[in-house]
Amino acid sequence: MEEINLKELWHYFLSKISIIFIIVIICVLAGNVYLFCLQTPLYKSTTSLVLVSEESTNTSITQNDITLNNNLVTTYSEIIKSRAVLSKVIENLGLKESVEYLSNCVSVSSIANTQVIKIDVSRESRYEARNIANEIAEVFSKKIKSIYRIQNISIVDEAELSKSPYNVNFIKQNIIYSVIGIIISCGIVFMIFYFDTSIKDAETIEDKLDLTVFGVVPKVGDKYGSKK
C-alpha cells in the first residue's frame, strides 16, 4: 500500500476546502427539503398503567401480590396490542383502519423493576394520539377484568395532547446533515487525492522516482495568467 504523507494530505484538504463547503451545503439543503416537504410529523401521547392489588380496600400489599403482578406485566403488554383490544378501540373511536395498522402505531413498554406499563401511540394527529392512548387503557382494563375476573389495573397518567412532533428536531437534524456532508466531502477529497498520480512539485519527484532535481522552471505570468 502506498504511503500517505499526512502533511501533504492536510494541505490538499485545505486547498479543497471550498469543495467540502459546497458539498456540506448541498447535504444540508437536501436534508431540509426532506424535513419540510417529505417528512411526516408524528405526535406521541403516552398513558401509564400500574398493576395493583385486587382489593382496593386493602391498605397493605403482600409479596405474593407483587410477584404475581410482575409476572403479569409481560402478559398484559401482549394483550394490549391484541386484536381483541385494538379492534374494540377502532370500533369505539370510529377509526377507518385495520388492526395491523393501528398495532404499528402503538408501542408498549414496562419500566424495569416496577409494575408500571407505558402505552405510547404515534399518529399524524395529536388529537388521535391522545384519544387512542386513553381508549386503549380503558378497553384494556375492561378486557382484563373479563379475562381474569380481577380488577388489578389502575390508570396512573392519562394521555395528553403533544405540543410538538417527536420525530422533528430542526437543530439536531441539521447537525446530522452537516456531519453527513462533512463525511461525504472528506471521503471524496481523499479518494481524489489517493488516486491522483500527477506530479505536483519537485519533492514528489525525489520521493517517488528517486531522482535528483537540479532545477525548477518557474511559472512566468502576471496575476491574470497572461505571459510576459
Protein backbone atom coordinates (compact mmCIF):
# COMPACT_ATOMS: atom_id res chain seq x y z
CA MET A 1 0.00 0.00 0.00
CA GLU A 2 1.33 3.41 -0.94
CA GLU A 3 2.40 5.59 1.96
CA ILE A 4 0.41 8.76 2.52
CA ASN A 5 2.15 11.95 3.50
CA LEU A 6 -0.11 13.39 6.21
CA LYS A 7 1.28 16.89 5.80
CA GLU A 8 0.68 16.75 2.07
CA LEU A 9 -2.79 15.31 2.67
CA TRP A 10 -3.62 18.12 5.10
CA HIS A 11 -2.56 20.80 2.66
CA TYR A 12 -4.54 19.07 -0.07
CA PHE A 13 -7.65 19.16 2.10
CA LEU A 14 -7.09 22.84 2.78
CA SER A 15 -6.82 23.50 -0.94
CA LYS A 16 -10.16 21.77 -1.47
CA ILE A 17 -11.99 23.45 1.41
CA SER A 18 -14.38 25.16 -1.00
CA ILE A 19 -15.45 21.77 -2.42
CA ILE A 20 -16.02 20.44 1.10
CA PHE A 21 -18.06 23.51 1.99
CA ILE A 22 -20.22 23.22 -1.15
CA ILE A 23 -20.95 19.51 -0.55
CA VAL A 24 -21.91 20.21 3.09
CA ILE A 25 -24.28 22.97 1.96
CA ILE A 26 -25.86 20.65 -0.61
CA CYS A 27 -26.40 17.94 2.02
CA VAL A 28 -27.96 20.43 4.44
CA LEU A 29 -30.25 21.83 1.74
CA ALA A 30 -31.28 18.33 0.63
CA GLY A 31 -31.93 17.37 4.25
CA ASN A 32 -34.11 20.43 4.81
CA VAL A 33 -36.10 19.68 1.66
CA TYR A 34 -36.84 16.28 3.17
CA LEU A 35 -37.52 17.83 6.58
CA PHE A 36 -40.06 20.39 5.39
CA CYS A 37 -41.52 18.75 2.30
CA LEU A 38 -41.34 14.97 2.69
CA GLN A 39 -41.04 14.05 6.37
CA THR A 40 -44.38 13.42 8.07
CA PRO A 41 -44.61 14.96 11.55
CA LEU A 42 -45.74 12.43 14.15
CA TYR A 43 -47.18 13.19 17.55
CA LYS A 44 -46.84 10.85 20.51
CA SER A 45 -49.12 10.55 23.51
CA THR A 46 -48.44 8.31 26.48
CA THR A 47 -50.61 6.79 29.15
CA SER A 48 -49.30 4.69 32.01
CA LEU A 49 -50.94 1.87 33.95
CA VAL A 50 -49.97 0.19 37.20
CA LEU A 51 -50.83 -3.26 38.47
CA VAL A 52 -52.34 -3.04 41.96
CA SER A 53 -53.90 -5.34 44.50
CA GLU A 54 -57.31 -6.64 43.56
CA GLU A 55 -58.85 -5.46 46.80
CA SER A 56 -58.74 -1.68 46.72
CA THR A 57 -59.73 -1.51 50.39
CA ASN A 58 -56.66 -3.45 51.43
CA THR A 59 -54.05 -0.95 52.60
CA SER A 60 -51.19 -3.45 52.54
CA ILE A 61 -49.75 -5.24 49.52
CA THR A 62 -48.23 -8.65 50.11
CA GLN A 63 -45.12 -10.03 48.47
CA ASN A 64 -47.33 -12.52 46.63
CA ASP A 65 -49.24 -9.62 45.07
CA ILE A 66 -46.01 -8.04 43.86
CA THR A 67 -44.67 -11.32 42.46
CA LEU A 68 -47.95 -12.08 40.69
CA ASN A 69 -48.16 -8.60 39.17
CA ASN A 70 -44.55 -8.69 37.98
CA ASN A 71 -45.27 -11.95 36.19
CA LEU A 72 -48.35 -10.45 34.58
CA VAL A 73 -46.59 -7.37 33.18
CA THR A 74 -45.28 -9.21 30.12
CA THR A 75 -48.60 -10.93 29.52
CA TYR A 76 -50.53 -7.69 29.84
CA SER A 77 -48.18 -5.96 27.40
CA GLU A 78 -49.08 -8.53 24.76
CA ILE A 79 -52.80 -8.28 25.47
CA ILE A 80 -52.72 -4.50 24.99
CA LYS A 81 -51.74 -4.98 21.32
CA SER A 82 -54.04 -7.95 20.77
CA ARG A 83 -56.73 -7.96 18.11
CA ALA A 84 -59.44 -8.17 20.79
CA VAL A 85 -58.37 -4.87 22.36
CA LEU A 86 -57.40 -2.89 19.27
CA SER A 87 -60.47 -3.88 17.25
CA LYS A 88 -62.65 -2.60 20.10
CA VAL A 89 -60.70 0.67 20.14
CA ILE A 90 -61.22 1.07 16.39
CA GLU A 91 -64.93 0.43 16.83
CA ASN A 92 -65.34 2.82 19.76
CA LEU A 93 -63.48 5.69 18.07
CA GLY A 94 -64.85 5.05 14.58
CA LEU A 95 -61.39 4.68 13.02
CA LYS A 96 -61.18 3.60 9.41
CA GLU A 97 -58.08 1.42 9.54
CA SER A 98 -57.02 -2.15 10.15
CA VAL A 99 -55.90 -3.67 13.42
CA GLU A 100 -52.46 -4.25 11.91
CA TYR A 101 -52.07 -0.58 11.01
CA LEU A 102 -53.12 0.57 14.48
CA SER A 103 -50.81 -2.01 16.07
CA ASN A 104 -47.85 -0.43 14.25
CA CYS A 105 -48.76 2.92 15.82
CA VAL A 106 -48.77 1.50 19.34
CA SER A 107 -45.77 0.56 21.45
CA VAL A 108 -45.93 -0.96 24.91
CA SER A 109 -43.10 -0.99 27.43
CA SER A 110 -42.67 -1.78 31.09
CA ILE A 111 -40.45 0.19 33.43
CA ALA A 112 -37.75 -2.07 34.85
CA ASN A 113 -38.27 -3.34 38.39
CA THR A 114 -41.73 -1.78 38.57
CA GLN A 115 -45.30 -2.81 37.86
CA VAL A 116 -45.86 0.16 35.55
CA ILE A 117 -46.80 -0.29 31.89
CA LYS A 118 -46.49 2.57 29.42
CA ILE A 119 -48.58 2.78 26.27
CA ASP A 120 -47.23 5.08 23.53
CA VAL A 121 -49.33 5.98 20.50
CA SER A 122 -47.82 7.76 17.47
CA ARG A 123 -50.09 9.46 14.97
CA GLU A 124 -50.10 12.29 12.45
CA SER A 125 -52.85 13.94 14.51
CA ARG A 126 -52.09 14.88 18.10
CA TYR A 127 -55.78 14.51 18.98
CA GLU A 128 -55.95 10.98 17.60
CA ALA A 129 -52.79 10.04 19.51
CA ARG A 130 -54.29 11.21 22.79
CA ASN A 131 -57.73 9.72 22.22
CA ILE A 132 -56.40 6.34 21.08
CA ALA A 133 -53.99 6.04 24.03
CA ASN A 134 -56.74 6.77 26.56
CA GLU A 135 -59.21 4.46 24.82
CA ILE A 136 -56.69 1.60 24.76
CA ALA A 137 -56.21 1.98 28.51
CA GLU A 138 -59.96 1.88 29.12
CA VAL A 139 -60.65 -1.07 26.81
CA PHE A 140 -57.67 -2.99 28.16
CA SER A 141 -58.79 -2.54 31.78
CA LYS A 142 -62.23 -3.92 30.96
CA LYS A 143 -60.73 -6.79 28.95
CA ILE A 144 -58.51 -7.86 31.83
CA LYS A 145 -61.49 -7.86 34.17
CA SER A 146 -63.42 -10.13 31.81
CA ILE A 147 -60.47 -12.50 31.23
CA TYR A 148 -59.01 -12.87 34.74
CA ARG A 149 -62.10 -11.96 36.76
CA ILE A 150 -59.98 -9.47 38.69
CA GLN A 151 -59.56 -5.73 38.65
CA ASN A 152 -55.88 -5.06 39.24
CA ILE A 153 -55.31 -2.31 36.68
CA SER A 154 -55.23 1.36 37.61
CA ILE A 155 -54.55 4.26 35.25
CA VAL A 156 -51.73 6.40 36.62
CA ASP A 157 -51.47 9.10 33.95
CA GLU A 158 -53.96 9.78 31.20
CA ALA A 159 -52.59 10.72 27.78
CA GLU A 160 -52.36 14.42 26.99
CA LEU A 161 -52.02 16.41 23.79
CA SER A 162 -48.48 16.50 22.46
CA LYS A 163 -47.22 20.04 21.88
CA SER A 164 -44.78 19.24 19.09
CA PRO A 165 -43.85 16.33 16.78
CA TYR A 166 -41.47 13.92 18.43
CA ASN A 167 -39.72 12.99 15.17
CA VAL A 168 -38.88 16.54 14.06
CA ASN A 169 -35.91 18.37 15.59
CA PHE A 170 -34.61 21.14 13.34
CA ILE A 171 -31.29 21.75 15.13
CA LYS A 172 -30.44 18.08 15.71
CA GLN A 173 -31.32 17.04 12.17
CA ASN A 174 -29.31 19.87 10.60
CA ILE A 175 -26.29 18.88 12.69
CA ILE A 176 -26.70 15.32 11.38
CA TYR A 177 -26.99 16.58 7.79
CA SER A 178 -23.83 18.68 8.28
CA VAL A 179 -21.88 15.72 9.67
CA ILE A 180 -23.02 13.55 6.78
CA GLY A 181 -21.92 16.26 4.35
CA ILE A 182 -18.51 16.52 6.00
CA ILE A 183 -18.02 12.74 5.88
CA ILE A 184 -19.07 12.51 2.23
CA SER A 185 -16.98 15.50 1.12
CA CYS A 186 -13.89 14.37 3.02
CA GLY A 187 -14.28 10.90 1.53
CA ILE A 188 -14.49 12.33 -1.99
CA VAL A 189 -11.49 14.60 -1.48
CA PHE A 190 -9.46 11.73 -0.01
CA MET A 191 -10.29 9.46 -2.96
CA ILE A 192 -9.27 12.18 -5.41
CA PHE A 193 -6.01 12.67 -3.51
CA TYR A 194 -5.29 8.95 -3.26
CA PHE A 195 -5.78 8.21 -6.95
CA ASP A 196 -4.15 11.40 -8.20
CA THR A 197 -0.83 10.30 -9.73
CA SER A 198 0.17 13.67 -11.19
CA ILE A 199 3.46 15.30 -10.19
CA LYS A 200 2.83 18.48 -8.24
CA ASP A 201 6.27 19.55 -7.02
CA ALA A 202 9.97 18.70 -7.04
CA GLU A 203 9.78 16.87 -3.73
CA THR A 204 7.31 14.39 -5.22
CA ILE A 205 9.80 13.53 -7.99
CA GLU A 206 12.59 12.94 -5.49
CA ASP A 207 10.42 10.86 -3.14
CA LYS A 208 8.56 8.68 -5.63
CA LEU A 209 11.01 8.42 -8.55
CA ASP A 210 14.24 8.55 -6.56
CA LEU A 211 15.65 11.19 -8.91
CA THR A 212 17.62 14.30 -8.14
CA VAL A 213 16.11 17.61 -9.23
CA PHE A 214 18.75 20.08 -10.46
CA GLY A 215 16.43 22.95 -11.19
CA VAL A 216 12.86 24.10 -11.49
CA VAL A 217 11.45 26.32 -14.22
CA PRO A 218 9.14 28.82 -12.51
CA LYS A 219 5.79 29.74 -13.95
CA VAL A 220 6.00 33.17 -15.55
CA GLY A 221 2.97 35.39 -15.87
CA ASP A 222 1.04 38.21 -14.29
CA LYS A 223 -1.87 37.79 -11.89
CA TYR A 224 -4.29 37.39 -14.80
CA GLY A 225 -2.36 34.44 -16.23
CA SER A 226 -1.09 36.19 -19.36
CA LYS A 227 2.55 35.53 -20.22
CA LYS A 228 5.09 38.34 -20.08
